[in-house]
Amino acid sequence: MLLLSRDEKEKLVIQLSTEGKTTREIAKDVHISLKDIGKILRKITGDDKGNNECIKDEEQKKQKRMKSLSYYAQAFQMFKDGKSLVDVAIEIDQESITVLNYYKDYL
C-alpha cells in the first residue's frame, strides 16, 4: 500500500468529503482518526478559528522574540530563512556594508 504525506491525506479527505462520503467512510479509506478528519474539514470550512488564533499568537511570539535579538542575530536568522541581502538591510535598518559583513560571517 502507498504511504501518503499529511498534505496528500488532507487533500484526499477533502475530495472524499465533497464526493459525499461520511466521516467514518473517509477514516476507513484514508486511515486517519475521526478527530483528524474533523480538524481538516473545520479548517476548510473556516470553523477552525481557535486554531487560527493559536497560529497568530505563535507568529506574534516569534516576531517579538526576533525583535529582542541583536541586529547580527536577526540578520543570521533572516539569511537562514532565505531572505535576500536587500530584504535583510531593510528589515533591520542597517547600511549595506554592515549587512554584507554579517552575510560574510554567516557564510
PDB file of N, CA and C in Angstrom:
ATOM      1  N   MET A   1       0.833  -1.189   0.000  1.00  0.00           N
ATOM      2  CA  MET A   1       0.000   0.000   0.000  1.00  0.00           C
ATOM      3  C   MET A   1       0.880   1.256   0.000  1.00  0.00           C
ATOM      4  N   LEU A   2       0.461   2.266  -0.698  1.00  0.00           N
ATOM      5  CA  LEU A   2       1.197   3.505  -0.850  1.00  0.00           C
ATOM      6  C   LEU A   2       1.018   4.376   0.392  1.00  0.00           C
ATOM      7  N   LEU A   3       2.114   4.924   0.932  1.00  0.00           N
ATOM      8  CA  LEU A   3       2.051   5.821   2.075  1.00  0.00           C
ATOM      9  C   LEU A   3       1.851   7.240   1.583  1.00  0.00           C
ATOM     10  N   LEU A   4       0.923   7.949   2.214  1.00  0.00           N
ATOM     11  CA  LEU A   4       0.619   9.317   1.806  1.00  0.00           C
ATOM     12  C   LEU A   4       1.172  10.299   2.830  1.00  0.00           C
ATOM     13  N   SER A   5       1.606  11.464   2.358  1.00  0.00           N
ATOM     14  CA  SER A   5       2.038  12.521   3.264  1.00  0.00           C
ATOM     15  C   SER A   5       0.803  13.143   3.904  1.00  0.00           C
ATOM     16  N   ARG A   6       1.034  13.963   4.906  1.00  0.00           N
ATOM     17  CA  ARG A   6      -0.086  14.609   5.591  1.00  0.00           C
ATOM     18  C   ARG A   6      -0.880  15.496   4.625  1.00  0.00           C
ATOM     19  N   ASP A   7      -0.168  16.238   3.773  1.00  0.00           N
ATOM     20  CA  ASP A   7      -0.851  17.094   2.799  1.00  0.00           C
ATOM     21  C   ASP A   7      -1.699  16.271   1.829  1.00  0.00           C
ATOM     22  N   GLU A   8      -1.148  15.147   1.388  1.00  0.00           N
ATOM     23  CA  GLU A   8      -1.895  14.283   0.468  1.00  0.00           C
ATOM     24  C   GLU A   8      -3.139  13.712   1.153  1.00  0.00           C
ATOM     25  N   LYS A   9      -2.998  13.352   2.428  1.00  0.00           N
ATOM     26  CA  LYS A   9      -4.155  12.838   3.174  1.00  0.00           C
ATOM     27  C   LYS A   9      -5.220  13.914   3.321  1.00  0.00           C
ATOM     28  N   GLU A  10      -4.785  15.138   3.606  1.00  0.00           N
ATOM     29  CA  GLU A  10      -5.749  16.245   3.733  1.00  0.00           C
ATOM     30  C   GLU A  10      -6.512  16.442   2.434  1.00  0.00           C
ATOM     31  N   LYS A  11      -5.799  16.450   1.325  1.00  0.00           N
ATOM     32  CA  LYS A  11      -6.444  16.619   0.020  1.00  0.00           C
ATOM     33  C   LYS A  11      -7.424  15.487  -0.257  1.00  0.00           C
ATOM     34  N   LEU A  12      -7.032  14.276   0.103  1.00  0.00           N
ATOM     35  CA  LEU A  12      -7.899  13.122  -0.103  1.00  0.00           C
ATOM     36  C   LEU A  12      -9.147  13.207   0.771  1.00  0.00           C
ATOM     37  N   VAL A  13      -8.980  13.651   2.013  1.00  0.00           N
ATOM     38  CA  VAL A  13     -10.128  13.827   2.915  1.00  0.00           C
ATOM     39  C   VAL A  13     -11.104  14.832   2.321  1.00  0.00           C
ATOM     40  N   ILE A  14     -10.595  15.929   1.829  1.00  0.00           N
ATOM     41  CA  ILE A  14     -11.449  16.968   1.244  1.00  0.00           C
ATOM     42  C   ILE A  14     -12.160  16.433   0.006  1.00  0.00           C
ATOM     43  N   GLN A  15     -11.422  15.733  -0.827  1.00  0.00           N
ATOM     44  CA  GLN A  15     -12.010  15.170  -2.050  1.00  0.00           C
ATOM     45  C   GLN A  15     -13.133  14.195  -1.711  1.00  0.00           C
ATOM     46  N   LEU A  16     -12.863  13.270  -0.781  1.00  0.00           N
ATOM     47  CA  LEU A  16     -13.874  12.270  -0.422  1.00  0.00           C
ATOM     48  C   LEU A  16     -15.089  12.921   0.231  1.00  0.00           C
ATOM     49  N   SER A  17     -14.844  13.970   1.001  1.00  0.00           N
ATOM     50  CA  SER A  17     -15.952  14.682   1.643  1.00  0.00           C
ATOM     51  C   SER A  17     -16.842  15.354   0.601  1.00  0.00           C
ATOM     52  N   THR A  18     -16.224  15.959  -0.405  1.00  0.00           N
ATOM     53  CA  THR A  18     -17.017  16.610  -1.453  1.00  0.00           C
ATOM     54  C   THR A  18     -17.763  15.593  -2.308  1.00  0.00           C
ATOM     55  N   GLU A  19     -17.265  14.353  -2.325  1.00  0.00           N
ATOM     56  CA  GLU A  19     -17.959  13.290  -3.048  1.00  0.00           C
ATOM     57  C   GLU A  19     -19.134  12.732  -2.241  1.00  0.00           C
ATOM     58  N   GLY A  20     -19.284  13.221  -1.006  1.00  0.00           N
ATOM     59  CA  GLY A  20     -20.426  12.810  -0.199  1.00  0.00           C
ATOM     60  C   GLY A  20     -20.178  11.657   0.757  1.00  0.00           C
ATOM     61  N   LYS A  21     -18.930  11.243   0.913  1.00  0.00           N
ATOM     62  CA  LYS A  21     -18.632  10.151   1.840  1.00  0.00           C
ATOM     63  C   LYS A  21     -18.769  10.638   3.279  1.00  0.00           C
ATOM     64  N   THR A  22     -19.142   9.716   4.156  1.00  0.00           N
ATOM     65  CA  THR A  22     -19.261  10.049   5.571  1.00  0.00           C
ATOM     66  C   THR A  22     -17.874  10.095   6.200  1.00  0.00           C
ATOM     67  N   THR A  23     -17.817  10.675   7.379  1.00  0.00           N
ATOM     68  CA  THR A  23     -16.550  10.767   8.099  1.00  0.00           C
ATOM     69  C   THR A  23     -15.988   9.375   8.384  1.00  0.00           C
ATOM     70  N   ARG A  24     -16.848   8.453   8.744  1.00  0.00           N
ATOM     71  CA  ARG A  24     -16.402   7.087   9.032  1.00  0.00           C
ATOM     72  C   ARG A  24     -15.856   6.407   7.774  1.00  0.00           C
ATOM     73  N   GLU A  25     -16.511   6.622   6.646  1.00  0.00           N
ATOM     74  CA  GLU A  25     -16.016   6.044   5.393  1.00  0.00           C
ATOM     75  C   GLU A  25     -14.654   6.630   5.022  1.00  0.00           C
ATOM     76  N   ILE A  26     -14.527   7.939   5.225  1.00  0.00           N
ATOM     77  CA  ILE A  26     -13.259   8.606   4.934  1.00  0.00           C
ATOM     78  C   ILE A  26     -12.161   8.051   5.845  1.00  0.00           C
ATOM     79  N   ALA A  27     -12.472   7.896   7.127  1.00  0.00           N
ATOM     80  CA  ALA A  27     -11.492   7.373   8.087  1.00  0.00           C
ATOM     81  C   ALA A  27     -11.006   5.988   7.667  1.00  0.00           C
ATOM     82  N   LYS A  28     -11.929   5.171   7.200  1.00  0.00           N
ATOM     83  CA  LYS A  28     -11.577   3.819   6.777  1.00  0.00           C
ATOM     84  C   LYS A  28     -10.690   3.854   5.521  1.00  0.00           C
ATOM     85  N   ASP A  29     -11.032   4.717   4.563  1.00  0.00           N
ATOM     86  CA  ASP A  29     -10.289   4.794   3.300  1.00  0.00           C
ATOM     87  C   ASP A  29      -8.898   5.415   3.471  1.00  0.00           C
ATOM     88  N   VAL A  30      -8.820   6.473   4.282  1.00  0.00           N
ATOM     89  CA  VAL A  30      -7.580   7.246   4.381  1.00  0.00           C
ATOM     90  C   VAL A  30      -6.702   6.780   5.556  1.00  0.00           C
ATOM     91  N   HIS A  31      -7.304   6.028   6.464  1.00  0.00           N
ATOM     92  CA  HIS A  31      -6.586   5.515   7.636  1.00  0.00           C
ATOM     93  C   HIS A  31      -6.123   6.622   8.572  1.00  0.00           C
ATOM     94  N   ILE A  32      -7.043   7.533   8.886  1.00  0.00           N
ATOM     95  CA  ILE A  32      -6.769   8.537   9.906  1.00  0.00           C
ATOM     96  C   ILE A  32      -7.971   8.609  10.841  1.00  0.00           C
ATOM     97  N   SER A  33      -7.781   9.230  11.986  1.00  0.00           N
ATOM     98  CA  SER A  33      -8.817   9.257  13.011  1.00  0.00           C
ATOM     99  C   SER A  33      -9.965  10.193  12.636  1.00  0.00           C
ATOM    100  N   LEU A  34     -11.101   9.946  13.256  1.00  0.00           N
ATOM    101  CA  LEU A  34     -12.266  10.807  13.057  1.00  0.00           C
ATOM    102  C   LEU A  34     -11.955  12.230  13.516  1.00  0.00           C
ATOM    103  N   LYS A  35     -11.196  12.335  14.598  1.00  0.00           N
ATOM    104  CA  LYS A  35     -10.809  13.642  15.132  1.00  0.00           C
ATOM    105  C   LYS A  35      -9.990  14.430  14.105  1.00  0.00           C
ATOM    106  N   ASP A  36      -9.019  13.768  13.478  1.00  0.00           N
ATOM    107  CA  ASP A  36      -8.188  14.444  12.476  1.00  0.00           C
ATOM    108  C   ASP A  36      -9.004  14.856  11.253  1.00  0.00           C
ATOM    109  N   ILE A  37      -9.940  14.017  10.875  1.00  0.00           N
ATOM    110  CA  ILE A  37     -10.811  14.364   9.743  1.00  0.00           C
ATOM    111  C   ILE A  37     -11.633  15.599  10.089  1.00  0.00           C
ATOM    112  N   GLY A  38     -12.144  15.638  11.308  1.00  0.00           N
ATOM    113  CA  GLY A  38     -12.907  16.807  11.759  1.00  0.00           C
ATOM    114  C   GLY A  38     -12.081  18.075  11.701  1.00  0.00           C
ATOM    115  N   LYS A  39     -10.833  17.994  12.138  1.00  0.00           N
ATOM    116  CA  LYS A  39      -9.949  19.165  12.109  1.00  0.00           C
ATOM    117  C   LYS A  39      -9.743  19.655  10.675  1.00  0.00           C
ATOM    118  N   ILE A  40      -9.505  18.708   9.768  1.00  0.00           N
ATOM    119  CA  ILE A  40      -9.275  19.071   8.363  1.00  0.00           C
ATOM    120  C   ILE A  40     -10.510  19.746   7.780  1.00  0.00           C
ATOM    121  N   LEU A  41     -11.668  19.169   8.020  1.00  0.00           N
ATOM    122  CA  LEU A  41     -12.896  19.731   7.460  1.00  0.00           C
ATOM    123  C   LEU A  41     -13.237  21.077   8.086  1.00  0.00           C
ATOM    124  N   ARG A  42     -12.971  21.240   9.393  1.00  0.00           N
ATOM    125  CA  ARG A  42     -13.219  22.539  10.043  1.00  0.00           C
ATOM    126  C   ARG A  42     -12.280  23.601   9.490  1.00  0.00           C
ATOM    127  N   LYS A  43     -11.051  23.201   9.206  1.00  0.00           N
ATOM    128  CA  LYS A  43     -10.087  24.152   8.649  1.00  0.00           C
ATOM    129  C   LYS A  43     -10.568  24.651   7.285  1.00  0.00           C
ATOM    130  N   ILE A  44     -11.119  23.749   6.491  1.00  0.00           N
ATOM    131  CA  ILE A  44     -11.589  24.099   5.149  1.00  0.00           C
ATOM    132  C   ILE A  44     -12.843  24.962   5.203  1.00  0.00           C
ATOM    133  N   THR A  45     -13.740  24.650   6.125  1.00  0.00           N
ATOM    134  CA  THR A  45     -14.996  25.395   6.218  1.00  0.00           C
ATOM    135  C   THR A  45     -14.865  26.704   6.978  1.00  0.00           C
ATOM    136  N   GLY A  46     -13.700  26.931   7.595  1.00  0.00           N
ATOM    137  CA  GLY A  46     -13.494  28.167   8.334  1.00  0.00           C
ATOM    138  C   GLY A  46     -13.972  28.104   9.767  1.00  0.00           C
ATOM    139  N   ASP A  47     -14.357  26.938  10.225  1.00  0.00           N
ATOM    140  CA  ASP A  47     -14.823  26.788  11.594  1.00  0.00           C
ATOM    141  C   ASP A  47     -13.687  26.538  12.570  1.00  0.00           C
ATOM    142  N   ASP A  48     -12.462  26.672  12.112  1.00  0.00           N
ATOM    143  CA  ASP A  48     -11.287  26.354  12.921  1.00  0.00           C
ATOM    144  C   ASP A  48     -10.645  27.633  13.463  1.00  0.00           C
ATOM    145  N   LYS A  49     -11.452  28.564  13.936  1.00  0.00           N
ATOM    146  CA  LYS A  49     -10.946  29.857  14.381  1.00  0.00           C
ATOM    147  C   LYS A  49     -10.018  29.727  15.572  1.00  0.00           C
ATOM    148  N   GLY A  50     -10.266  28.795  16.446  1.00  0.00           N
ATOM    149  CA  GLY A  50      -9.400  28.600  17.600  1.00  0.00           C
ATOM    150  C   GLY A  50      -7.989  28.270  17.185  1.00  0.00           C
ATOM    151  N   ASN A  51      -7.839  27.412  16.209  1.00  0.00           N
ATOM    152  CA  ASN A  51      -6.516  27.024  15.723  1.00  0.00           C
ATOM    153  C   ASN A  51      -5.831  28.206  15.041  1.00  0.00           C
ATOM    154  N   ASN A  52      -6.592  29.002  14.293  1.00  0.00           N
ATOM    155  CA  ASN A  52      -6.018  30.175  13.624  1.00  0.00           C
ATOM    156  C   ASN A  52      -5.496  31.167  14.645  1.00  0.00           C
ATOM    157  N   GLU A  53      -6.196  31.313  15.760  1.00  0.00           N
ATOM    158  CA  GLU A  53      -5.752  32.219  16.818  1.00  0.00           C
ATOM    159  C   GLU A  53      -4.428  31.740  17.404  1.00  0.00           C
ATOM    160  N   CYS A  54      -4.284  30.442  17.585  1.00  0.00           N
ATOM    161  CA  CYS A  54      -3.031  29.874  18.108  1.00  0.00           C
ATOM    162  C   CYS A  54      -1.884  30.159  17.153  1.00  0.00           C
ATOM    163  N   ILE A  55      -2.147  30.025  15.865  1.00  0.00           N
ATOM    164  CA  ILE A  55      -1.119  30.285  14.856  1.00  0.00           C
ATOM    165  C   ILE A  55      -0.706  31.749  14.905  1.00  0.00           C
ATOM    166  N   LYS A  56      -1.680  32.660  15.014  1.00  0.00           N
ATOM    167  CA  LYS A  56      -1.380  34.087  15.095  1.00  0.00           C
ATOM    168  C   LYS A  56      -0.562  34.401  16.345  1.00  0.00           C
ATOM    169  N   ASP A  57      -0.933  33.792  17.482  1.00  0.00           N
ATOM    170  CA  ASP A  57      -0.198  34.005  18.719  1.00  0.00           C
ATOM    171  C   ASP A  57       1.248  33.544  18.582  1.00  0.00           C
ATOM    172  N   GLU A  58       1.443  32.389  17.974  1.00  0.00           N
ATOM    173  CA  GLU A  58       2.798  31.868  17.784  1.00  0.00           C
ATOM    174  C   GLU A  58       3.612  32.789  16.884  1.00  0.00           C
ATOM    175  N   GLU A  59       2.975  33.319  15.840  1.00  0.00           N
ATOM    176  CA  GLU A  59       3.665  34.242  14.934  1.00  0.00           C
ATOM    177  C   GLU A  59       4.069  35.515  15.660  1.00  0.00           C
ATOM    178  N   GLN A  60       3.164  36.029  16.490  1.00  0.00           N
ATOM    179  CA  GLN A  60       3.465  37.243  17.241  1.00  0.00           C
ATOM    180  C   GLN A  60       4.599  37.006  18.231  1.00  0.00           C
ATOM    181  N   LYS A  61       4.609  35.830  18.881  1.00  0.00           N
ATOM    182  CA  LYS A  61       5.695  35.500  19.814  1.00  0.00           C
ATOM    183  C   LYS A  61       7.022  35.424  19.073  1.00  0.00           C
ATOM    184  N   LYS A  62       7.001  34.814  17.878  1.00  0.00           N
ATOM    185  CA  LYS A  62       8.220  34.683  17.087  1.00  0.00           C
ATOM    186  C   LYS A  62       8.743  36.064  16.681  1.00  0.00           C
ATOM    187  N   GLN A  63       7.828  36.951  16.245  1.00  0.00           N
ATOM    188  CA  GLN A  63       8.234  38.298  15.845  1.00  0.00           C
ATOM    189  C   GLN A  63       8.787  39.075  17.026  1.00  0.00           C
ATOM    190  N   LYS A  64       8.145  38.931  18.187  1.00  0.00           N
ATOM    191  CA  LYS A  64       8.595  39.628  19.385  1.00  0.00           C
ATOM    192  C   LYS A  64       9.978  39.137  19.789  1.00  0.00           C
ATOM    193  N   ARG A  65      10.188  37.814  19.733  1.00  0.00           N
ATOM    194  CA  ARG A  65      11.486  37.238  20.064  1.00  0.00           C
ATOM    195  C   ARG A  65      12.545  37.731  19.081  1.00  0.00           C
ATOM    196  N   MET A  66      12.180  37.783  17.811  1.00  0.00           N
ATOM    197  CA  MET A  66      13.115  38.214  16.773  1.00  0.00           C
ATOM    198  C   MET A  66      13.565  39.651  17.038  1.00  0.00           C
ATOM    199  N   LYS A  67      12.634  40.510  17.419  1.00  0.00           N
ATOM    200  CA  LYS A  67      12.960  41.917  17.669  1.00  0.00           C
ATOM    201  C   LYS A  67      13.851  42.072  18.896  1.00  0.00           C
ATOM    202  N   SER A  68      13.797  41.103  19.812  1.00  0.00           N
ATOM    203  CA  SER A  68      14.631  41.189  21.009  1.00  0.00           C
ATOM    204  C   SER A  68      16.081  40.774  20.739  1.00  0.00           C
ATOM    205  N   LEU A  69      16.337  40.169  19.588  1.00  0.00           N
ATOM    206  CA  LEU A  69      17.685  39.742  19.225  1.00  0.00           C
ATOM    207  C   LEU A  69      18.496  40.923  18.708  1.00  0.00           C
ATOM    208  N   SER A  70      19.802  40.778  18.740  1.00  0.00           N
ATOM    209  CA  SER A  70      20.681  41.804  18.166  1.00  0.00           C
ATOM    210  C   SER A  70      20.461  41.840  16.649  1.00  0.00           C
ATOM    211  N   TYR A  71      20.894  42.929  16.022  1.00  0.00           N
ATOM    212  CA  TYR A  71      20.795  43.023  14.561  1.00  0.00           C
ATOM    213  C   TYR A  71      21.556  41.881  13.908  1.00  0.00           C
ATOM    214  N   TYR A  72      22.689  41.546  14.481  1.00  0.00           N
ATOM    215  CA  TYR A  72      23.533  40.469  13.972  1.00  0.00           C
ATOM    216  C   TYR A  72      22.760  39.144  13.964  1.00  0.00           C
ATOM    217  N   ALA A  73      22.141  38.823  15.089  1.00  0.00           N
ATOM    218  CA  ALA A  73      21.373  37.582  15.202  1.00  0.00           C
ATOM    219  C   ALA A  73      20.134  37.612  14.306  1.00  0.00           C
ATOM    220  N   GLN A  74      19.486  38.773  14.220  1.00  0.00           N
ATOM    221  CA  GLN A  74      18.320  38.898  13.338  1.00  0.00           C
ATOM    222  C   GLN A  74      18.733  38.633  11.891  1.00  0.00           C
ATOM    223  N   ALA A  75      19.853  39.207  11.487  1.00  0.00           N
ATOM    224  CA  ALA A  75      20.341  39.023  10.111  1.00  0.00           C
ATOM    225  C   ALA A  75      20.623  37.546   9.844  1.00  0.00           C
ATOM    226  N   PHE A  76      21.288  36.868  10.785  1.00  0.00           N
ATOM    227  CA  PHE A  76      21.570  35.447  10.609  1.00  0.00           C
ATOM    228  C   PHE A  76      20.289  34.652  10.438  1.00  0.00           C
ATOM    229  N   GLN A  77      19.279  34.947  11.249  1.00  0.00           N
ATOM    230  CA  GLN A  77      18.008  34.232  11.145  1.00  0.00           C
ATOM    231  C   GLN A  77      17.357  34.474   9.789  1.00  0.00           C
ATOM    232  N   MET A  78      17.414  35.718   9.323  1.00  0.00           N
ATOM    233  CA  MET A  78      16.815  36.028   8.025  1.00  0.00           C
ATOM    234  C   MET A  78      17.583  35.369   6.883  1.00  0.00           C
ATOM    235  N   PHE A  79      18.912  35.319   6.977  1.00  0.00           N
ATOM    236  CA  PHE A  79      19.697  34.607   5.958  1.00  0.00           C
ATOM    237  C   PHE A  79      19.308  33.132   5.962  1.00  0.00           C
ATOM    238  N   LYS A  80      19.176  32.581   7.152  1.00  0.00           N
ATOM    239  CA  LYS A  80      18.791  31.175   7.287  1.00  0.00           C
ATOM    240  C   LYS A  80      17.415  30.934   6.657  1.00  0.00           C
ATOM    241  N   ASP A  81      16.513  31.913   6.786  1.00  0.00           N
ATOM    242  CA  ASP A  81      15.160  31.798   6.234  1.00  0.00           C
ATOM    243  C   ASP A  81      15.112  32.096   4.735  1.00  0.00           C
ATOM    244  N   GLY A  82      16.270  32.429   4.143  1.00  0.00           N
ATOM    245  CA  GLY A  82      16.325  32.630   2.700  1.00  0.00           C
ATOM    246  C   GLY A  82      16.039  34.041   2.228  1.00  0.00           C
ATOM    247  N   LYS A  83      16.041  34.999   3.134  1.00  0.00           N
ATOM    248  CA  LYS A  83      15.796  36.393   2.731  1.00  0.00           C
ATOM    249  C   LYS A  83      16.998  36.946   1.978  1.00  0.00           C
ATOM    250  N   SER A  84      16.731  37.857   1.066  1.00  0.00           N
ATOM    251  CA  SER A  84      17.807  38.470   0.284  1.00  0.00           C
ATOM    252  C   SER A  84      18.546  39.500   1.132  1.00  0.00           C
ATOM    253  N   LEU A  85      19.726  39.882   0.666  1.00  0.00           N
ATOM    254  CA  LEU A  85      20.518  40.889   1.371  1.00  0.00           C
ATOM    255  C   LEU A  85      19.757  42.207   1.489  1.00  0.00           C
ATOM    256  N   VAL A  86      19.071  42.570   0.431  1.00  0.00           N
ATOM    257  CA  VAL A  86      18.299  43.816   0.435  1.00  0.00           C
ATOM    258  C   VAL A  86      17.179  43.748   1.467  1.00  0.00           C
ATOM    259  N   ASP A  87      16.463  42.633   1.508  1.00  0.00           N
ATOM    260  CA  ASP A  87      15.379  42.478   2.481  1.00  0.00           C
ATOM    261  C   ASP A  87      15.906  42.558   3.909  1.00  0.00           C
ATOM    262  N   VAL A  88      17.057  41.947   4.143  1.00  0.00           N
ATOM    263  CA  VAL A  88      17.647  41.981   5.484  1.00  0.00           C
ATOM    264  C   VAL A  88      18.037  43.410   5.844  1.00  0.00           C
ATOM    265  N   ALA A  89      18.675  44.119   4.919  1.00  0.00           N
ATOM    266  CA  ALA A  89      19.087  45.503   5.178  1.00  0.00           C
ATOM    267  C   ALA A  89      17.886  46.377   5.515  1.00  0.00           C
ATOM    268  N   ILE A  90      16.798  46.189   4.790  1.00  0.00           N
ATOM    269  CA  ILE A  90      15.586  46.979   5.040  1.00  0.00           C
ATOM    270  C   ILE A  90      14.973  46.608   6.381  1.00  0.00           C
ATOM    271  N   GLU A  91      14.872  45.325   6.641  1.00  0.00           N
ATOM    272  CA  GLU A  91      14.217  44.839   7.864  1.00  0.00           C
ATOM    273  C   GLU A  91      14.935  45.301   9.131  1.00  0.00           C
ATOM    274  N   ILE A  92      16.264  45.195   9.134  1.00  0.00           N
ATOM    275  CA  ILE A  92      16.997  45.570  10.352  1.00  0.00           C
ATOM    276  C   ILE A  92      17.507  47.016  10.294  1.00  0.00           C
ATOM    277  N   ASP A  93      17.233  47.702   9.185  1.00  0.00           N
ATOM    278  CA  ASP A  93      17.570  49.116   9.018  1.00  0.00           C
ATOM    279  C   ASP A  93      19.059  49.376   9.263  1.00  0.00           C
ATOM    280  N   GLN A  94      19.877  48.636   8.512  1.00  0.00           N
ATOM    281  CA  GLN A  94      21.322  48.789   8.618  1.00  0.00           C
ATOM    282  C   GLN A  94      21.897  49.116   7.234  1.00  0.00           C
ATOM    283  N   GLU A  95      23.083  49.700   7.230  1.00  0.00           N
ATOM    284  CA  GLU A  95      23.741  50.033   5.975  1.00  0.00           C
ATOM    285  C   GLU A  95      24.152  48.760   5.247  1.00  0.00           C
ATOM    286  N   SER A  96      24.278  48.870   3.935  1.00  0.00           N
ATOM    287  CA  SER A  96      24.582  47.699   3.113  1.00  0.00           C
ATOM    288  C   SER A  96      25.916  47.057   3.478  1.00  0.00           C
ATOM    289  N   ILE A  97      26.917  47.865   3.805  1.00  0.00           N
ATOM    290  CA  ILE A  97      28.230  47.309   4.156  1.00  0.00           C
ATOM    291  C   ILE A  97      28.128  46.464   5.424  1.00  0.00           C
ATOM    292  N   THR A  98      27.317  46.898   6.352  1.00  0.00           N
ATOM    293  CA  THR A  98      27.117  46.146   7.597  1.00  0.00           C
ATOM    294  C   THR A  98      26.453  44.812   7.297  1.00  0.00           C
ATOM    295  N   VAL A  99      25.417  44.839   6.458  1.00  0.00           N
ATOM    296  CA  VAL A  99      24.706  43.609   6.102  1.00  0.00           C
ATOM    297  C   VAL A  99      25.627  42.677   5.323  1.00  0.00           C
ATOM    298  N   LEU A 100      26.451  43.229   4.441  1.00  0.00           N
ATOM    299  CA  LEU A 100      27.414  42.403   3.702  1.00  0.00           C
ATOM    300  C   LEU A 100      28.395  41.715   4.655  1.00  0.00           C
ATOM    301  N   ASN A 101      28.850  42.439   5.668  1.00  0.00           N
ATOM    302  CA  ASN A 101      29.753  41.855   6.652  1.00  0.00           C
ATOM    303  C   ASN A 101      29.043  40.744   7.447  1.00  0.00           C
ATOM    304  N   TYR A 102      27.802  40.987   7.807  1.00  0.00           N
ATOM    305  CA  TYR A 102      27.010  39.956   8.504  1.00  0.00           C
ATOM    306  C   TYR A 102      26.896  38.711   7.611  1.00  0.00           C
ATOM    307  N   TYR A 103      26.654  38.944   6.319  1.00  0.00           N
ATOM    308  CA  TYR A 103      26.474  37.829   5.383  1.00  0.00           C
ATOM    309  C   TYR A 103      27.776  37.036   5.232  1.00  0.00           C
ATOM    310  N   LYS A 104      28.894  37.744   5.170  1.00  0.00           N
ATOM    311  CA  LYS A 104      30.189  37.054   5.083  1.00  0.00           C
ATOM    312  C   LYS A 104      30.393  36.166   6.305  1.00  0.00           C
ATOM    313  N   ASP A 105      30.054  36.695   7.479  1.00  0.00           N
ATOM    314  CA  ASP A 105      30.178  35.903   8.703  1.00  0.00           C
ATOM    315  C   ASP A 105      29.234  34.702   8.660  1.00  0.00           C
ATOM    316  N   TYR A 106      28.042  34.929   8.122  1.00  0.00           N
ATOM    317  CA  TYR A 106      27.050  33.859   8.028  1.00  0.00           C
ATOM    318  C   TYR A 106      27.565  32.706   7.155  1.00  0.00           C
ATOM    319  N   LEU A 107      28.183  33.096   6.040  1.00  0.00           N
ATOM    320  CA  LEU A 107      28.706  32.070   5.127  1.00  0.00           C
ATOM    321  C   LEU A 107      29.877  31.348   5.744  1.00  0.00           C
TER     322      LEU A 107
END
